[in-house]
Amino acid sequence: MASTPSTPARLVLLNGFPGVGKLTIARPTPSSVLFDVHLIVDPATALYPSPQPPSSFAHLRSAIQDAVLTHLRLTPDPTVVPTICFSADEVGRAEPHKWLETGRRFSGGVVWVTLGCGKEELVRKAVEQARDG
């Protein structure tokens, strides 16, 4: 189903800690694009395995994100569904504003969804992922 004037493009932000189920519930449709945050973070981490200096890591991560979102805004009315998790550092505190500003450029605006689960479940998933990886 393609986007039409009655279904304008939106930025649907799925925010939450790793393991809460962002990718589980994010199902792309013919009129949407799933954008996993690891597509941004993994290339930056490959070049800066320890985010030191933090400004270099943050600059590269931001440049990749900007390039992808600019490209997506140029495609025919996609709804973009990024999975995101903001850190508590200076860069992470600035990110929500950047995403909201990007969302204002989409004709349908921004839908912000924050997912959560209990501490016990997050710990269980973290332990399982540590064993897997």
C-alpha atoms as a PDB file:
ATOM      1  CA  MET A   1       0.000   0.000   0.000  1.00  0.00           C
ATOM      2  CA  ALA A   2       1.670   3.242  -1.103  1.00  0.00           C
ATOM      3  CA  SER A   3       1.384   6.456   0.834  1.00  0.00           C
ATOM      4  CA  THR A   4      -1.308   8.806  -0.385  1.00  0.00           C
ATOM      5  CA  PRO A   5      -2.348  12.287   0.684  1.00  0.00           C
ATOM      6  CA  SER A   6      -4.653  10.614   3.228  1.00  0.00           C
ATOM      7  CA  THR A   7      -1.719   8.639   4.662  1.00  0.00           C
ATOM      8  CA  PRO A   8       1.097  11.197   4.923  1.00  0.00           C
ATOM      9  CA  ALA A   9       4.652  10.179   5.697  1.00  0.00           C
ATOM     10  CA  ARG A  10       5.501  10.072   9.374  1.00  0.00           C
ATOM     11  CA  LEU A  11       8.531   9.572  11.519  1.00  0.00           C
ATOM     12  CA  VAL A  12       7.536   6.887  14.051  1.00  0.00           C
ATOM     13  CA  LEU A  13      10.245   6.812  16.726  1.00  0.00           C
ATOM     14  CA  LEU A  14      10.494   3.555  18.683  1.00  0.00           C
ATOM     15  CA  ASN A  15      12.525   4.489  21.746  1.00  0.00           C
ATOM     16  CA  GLY A  16      13.662   2.160  24.507  1.00  0.00           C
ATOM     17  CA  PHE A  17      16.504   0.310  26.157  1.00  0.00           C
ATOM     18  CA  PRO A  18      18.139  -2.558  24.261  1.00  0.00           C
ATOM     19  CA  GLY A  19      16.035  -5.688  24.625  1.00  0.00           C
ATOM     20  CA  VAL A  20      12.617  -4.093  25.204  1.00  0.00           C
ATOM     21  CA  GLY A  21      11.273  -5.328  21.857  1.00  0.00           C
ATOM     22  CA  LYS A  22      11.654  -2.430  19.419  1.00  0.00           C
ATOM     23  CA  LEU A  23      12.578  -4.704  16.508  1.00  0.00           C
ATOM     24  CA  THR A  24       9.982  -7.256  17.589  1.00  0.00           C
ATOM     25  CA  ILE A  25       7.110  -4.823  17.104  1.00  0.00           C
ATOM     26  CA  ALA A  26       8.611  -2.827  14.210  1.00  0.00           C
ATOM     27  CA  ARG A  27       7.203  -4.447  11.112  1.00  0.00           C
ATOM     28  CA  PRO A  28       7.854  -2.637   7.842  1.00  0.00           C
ATOM     29  CA  THR A  29       4.991  -2.303   5.380  1.00  0.00           C
ATOM     30  CA  PRO A  30       5.090  -1.431   1.669  1.00  0.00           C
ATOM     31  CA  SER A  31       4.678   2.235   2.668  1.00  0.00           C
ATOM     32  CA  SER A  32       7.198   2.257   5.530  1.00  0.00           C
ATOM     33  CA  VAL A  33      10.922   1.853   6.079  1.00  0.00           C
ATOM     34  CA  LEU A  34      12.372   0.189   9.193  1.00  0.00           C
ATOM     35  CA  PHE A  35      15.574   1.921  10.273  1.00  0.00           C
ATOM     36  CA  ASP A  36      17.472   0.008  12.988  1.00  0.00           C
ATOM     37  CA  VAL A  37      19.762   2.305  14.992  1.00  0.00           C
ATOM     38  CA  HIS A  38      22.552  -0.275  14.604  1.00  0.00           C
ATOM     39  CA  LEU A  39      22.830   0.798  10.966  1.00  0.00           C
ATOM     40  CA  ILE A  40      24.216   4.059  12.392  1.00  0.00           C
ATOM     41  CA  VAL A  41      26.086   2.844  15.449  1.00  0.00           C
ATOM     42  CA  ASP A  42      27.844  -0.225  14.019  1.00  0.00           C
ATOM     43  CA  PRO A  43      29.890   1.608  11.316  1.00  0.00           C
ATOM     44  CA  ALA A  44      30.868   4.316  13.804  1.00  0.00           C
ATOM     45  CA  THR A  45      31.858   1.682  16.373  1.00  0.00           C
ATOM     46  CA  ALA A  46      33.930  -0.168  13.757  1.00  0.00           C
ATOM     47  CA  LEU A  47      36.060   2.941  13.252  1.00  0.00           C
ATOM     48  CA  TYR A  48      36.006   4.064  16.888  1.00  0.00           C
ATOM     49  CA  PRO A  49      35.730   0.825  18.963  1.00  0.00           C
ATOM     50  CA  SER A  50      36.082   2.835  22.132  1.00  0.00           C
ATOM     51  CA  PRO A  51      34.073   6.005  21.653  1.00  0.00           C
ATOM     52  CA  GLN A  52      37.251   7.973  22.264  1.00  0.00           C
ATOM     53  CA  PRO A  53      37.552  10.695  21.335  1.00  0.00           C
ATOM     54  CA  PRO A  54      33.802  10.954  21.904  1.00  0.00           C
ATOM     55  CA  SER A  55      33.456  13.883  19.528  1.00  0.00           C
ATOM     56  CA  SER A  56      34.811  11.818  16.592  1.00  0.00           C
ATOM     57  CA  PHE A  57      32.430   8.917  17.291  1.00  0.00           C
ATOM     58  CA  ALA A  58      29.466  11.281  17.777  1.00  0.00           C
ATOM     59  CA  HIS A  59      30.310  13.279  14.645  1.00  0.00           C
ATOM     60  CA  LEU A  60      30.484  10.146  12.464  1.00  0.00           C
ATOM     61  CA  ARG A  61      27.303   8.689  13.967  1.00  0.00           C
ATOM     62  CA  SER A  62      25.505  11.979  13.401  1.00  0.00           C
ATOM     63  CA  ALA A  63      26.772  12.274   9.810  1.00  0.00           C
ATOM     64  CA  ILE A  64      25.568   8.745   8.948  1.00  0.00           C
ATOM     65  CA  GLN A  65      22.174   9.413  10.533  1.00  0.00           C
ATOM     66  CA  ASP A  66      21.785  12.730   8.700  1.00  0.00           C
ATOM     67  CA  ALA A  67      22.706  11.202   5.334  1.00  0.00           C
ATOM     68  CA  VAL A  68      20.210   8.349   5.703  1.00  0.00           C
ATOM     69  CA  LEU A  69      17.355  10.546   6.908  1.00  0.00           C
ATOM     70  CA  THR A  70      18.005  13.099   4.154  1.00  0.00           C
ATOM     71  CA  HIS A  71      17.825  10.317   1.576  1.00  0.00           C
ATOM     72  CA  LEU A  72      14.633   8.905   3.084  1.00  0.00           C
ATOM     73  CA  ARG A  73      12.976  12.326   3.029  1.00  0.00           C
ATOM     74  CA  LEU A  74      13.622  12.434  -0.726  1.00  0.00           C
ATOM     75  CA  THR A  75      11.856   9.133  -1.411  1.00  0.00           C
ATOM     76  CA  PRO A  76       8.129   9.107  -2.244  1.00  0.00           C
ATOM     77  CA  ASP A  77       6.393   9.689   1.079  1.00  0.00           C
ATOM     78  CA  PRO A  78       7.864   6.952   3.238  1.00  0.00           C
ATOM     79  CA  THR A  79       6.889   6.427   6.832  1.00  0.00           C
ATOM     80  CA  VAL A  80      10.206   5.878   8.593  1.00  0.00           C
ATOM     81  CA  VAL A  81      10.319   3.726  11.738  1.00  0.00           C
ATOM     82  CA  PRO A  82      13.690   4.100  13.483  1.00  0.00           C
ATOM     83  CA  THR A  83      14.611   2.135  16.586  1.00  0.00           C
ATOM     84  CA  ILE A  84      16.464   4.387  18.989  1.00  0.00           C
ATOM     85  CA  CYS A  85      17.890   4.453  22.501  1.00  0.00           C
ATOM     86  CA  PHE A  86      19.297   7.679  23.851  1.00  0.00           C
ATOM     87  CA  SER A  87      22.342   7.656  26.100  1.00  0.00           C
ATOM     88  CA  ALA A  88      22.574   9.813  29.212  1.00  0.00           C
ATOM     89  CA  ASP A  89      25.699  11.642  28.017  1.00  0.00           C
ATOM     90  CA  GLU A  90      25.801  15.067  26.369  1.00  0.00           C
ATOM     91  CA  VAL A  91      25.357  13.617  22.871  1.00  0.00           C
ATOM     92  CA  GLY A  92      22.430  11.446  23.980  1.00  0.00           C
ATOM     93  CA  ARG A  93      20.668  14.361  25.651  1.00  0.00           C
ATOM     94  CA  ALA A  94      20.818  16.338  22.375  1.00  0.00           C
ATOM     95  CA  GLU A  95      19.506  13.495  20.189  1.00  0.00           C
ATOM     96  CA  PRO A  96      15.750  13.757  20.988  1.00  0.00           C
ATOM     97  CA  HIS A  97      15.718  17.353  19.760  1.00  0.00           C
ATOM     98  CA  LYS A  98      17.487  16.357  16.553  1.00  0.00           C
ATOM     99  CA  TRP A  99      14.973  13.568  15.840  1.00  0.00           C
ATOM    100  CA  LEU A 100      12.029  15.853  16.579  1.00  0.00           C
ATOM    101  CA  GLU A 101      13.439  18.493  14.229  1.00  0.00           C
ATOM    102  CA  THR A 102      13.883  15.826  11.540  1.00  0.00           C
ATOM    103  CA  GLY A 103      10.309  14.655  12.125  1.00  0.00           C
ATOM    104  CA  ARG A 104       8.948  18.125  11.495  1.00  0.00           C
ATOM    105  CA  ARG A 105      10.145  17.745   7.897  1.00  0.00           C
ATOM    106  CA  PHE A 106       7.833  14.759   7.364  1.00  0.00           C
ATOM    107  CA  SER A 107       4.371  15.716   6.155  1.00  0.00           C
ATOM    108  CA  GLY A 108       2.672  13.557   8.798  1.00  0.00           C
ATOM    109  CA  GLY A 109       4.871  14.709  11.667  1.00  0.00           C
ATOM    110  CA  VAL A 110       6.268  12.625  14.492  1.00  0.00           C
ATOM    111  CA  VAL A 111       4.822   9.756  16.493  1.00  0.00           C
ATOM    112  CA  TRP A 112       6.968   9.019  19.574  1.00  0.00           C
ATOM    113  CA  VAL A 113       6.623   5.585  21.201  1.00  0.00           C
ATOM    114  CA  THR A 114       8.675   4.710  24.277  1.00  0.00           C
ATOM    115  CA  LEU A 115       8.805   1.007  25.103  1.00  0.00           C
ATOM    116  CA  GLY A 116       9.733  -0.445  28.439  1.00  0.00           C
ATOM    117  CA  CYS A 117       9.783  -3.644  30.415  1.00  0.00           C
ATOM    118  CA  GLY A 118      10.630  -4.676  33.947  1.00  0.00           C
ATOM    119  CA  LYS A 119      14.169  -4.551  35.285  1.00  0.00           C
ATOM    120  CA  GLU A 120      14.201  -8.328  35.725  1.00  0.00           C
ATOM    121  CA  GLU A 121      13.365  -8.842  32.038  1.00  0.00           C
ATOM    122  CA  LEU A 122      16.088  -6.418  30.915  1.00  0.00           C
ATOM    123  CA  VAL A 123      18.651  -8.218  33.092  1.00  0.00           C
ATOM    124  CA  ARG A 124      17.531 -11.613  31.755  1.00  0.00           C
ATOM    125  CA  LYS A 125      17.878 -10.423  28.146  1.00  0.00           C
ATOM    126  CA  ALA A 126      21.269  -8.836  28.814  1.00  0.00           C
ATOM    127  CA  VAL A 127      22.572 -12.093  30.296  1.00  0.00           C
ATOM    128  CA  GLU A 128      21.202 -14.106  27.333  1.00  0.00           C
ATOM    129  CA  GLN A 129      22.767 -11.696  24.815  1.00  0.00           C
ATOM    130  CA  ALA A 130      26.123 -11.850  26.640  1.00  0.00           C
ATOM    131  CA  ARG A 131      26.077 -15.661  26.320  1.00  0.00           C
ATOM    132  CA  ASP A 132      25.131 -15.490  22.626  1.00  0.00           C
ATOM    133  CA  GLY A 133      27.617 -12.962  21.582  1.00  0.00           C
END
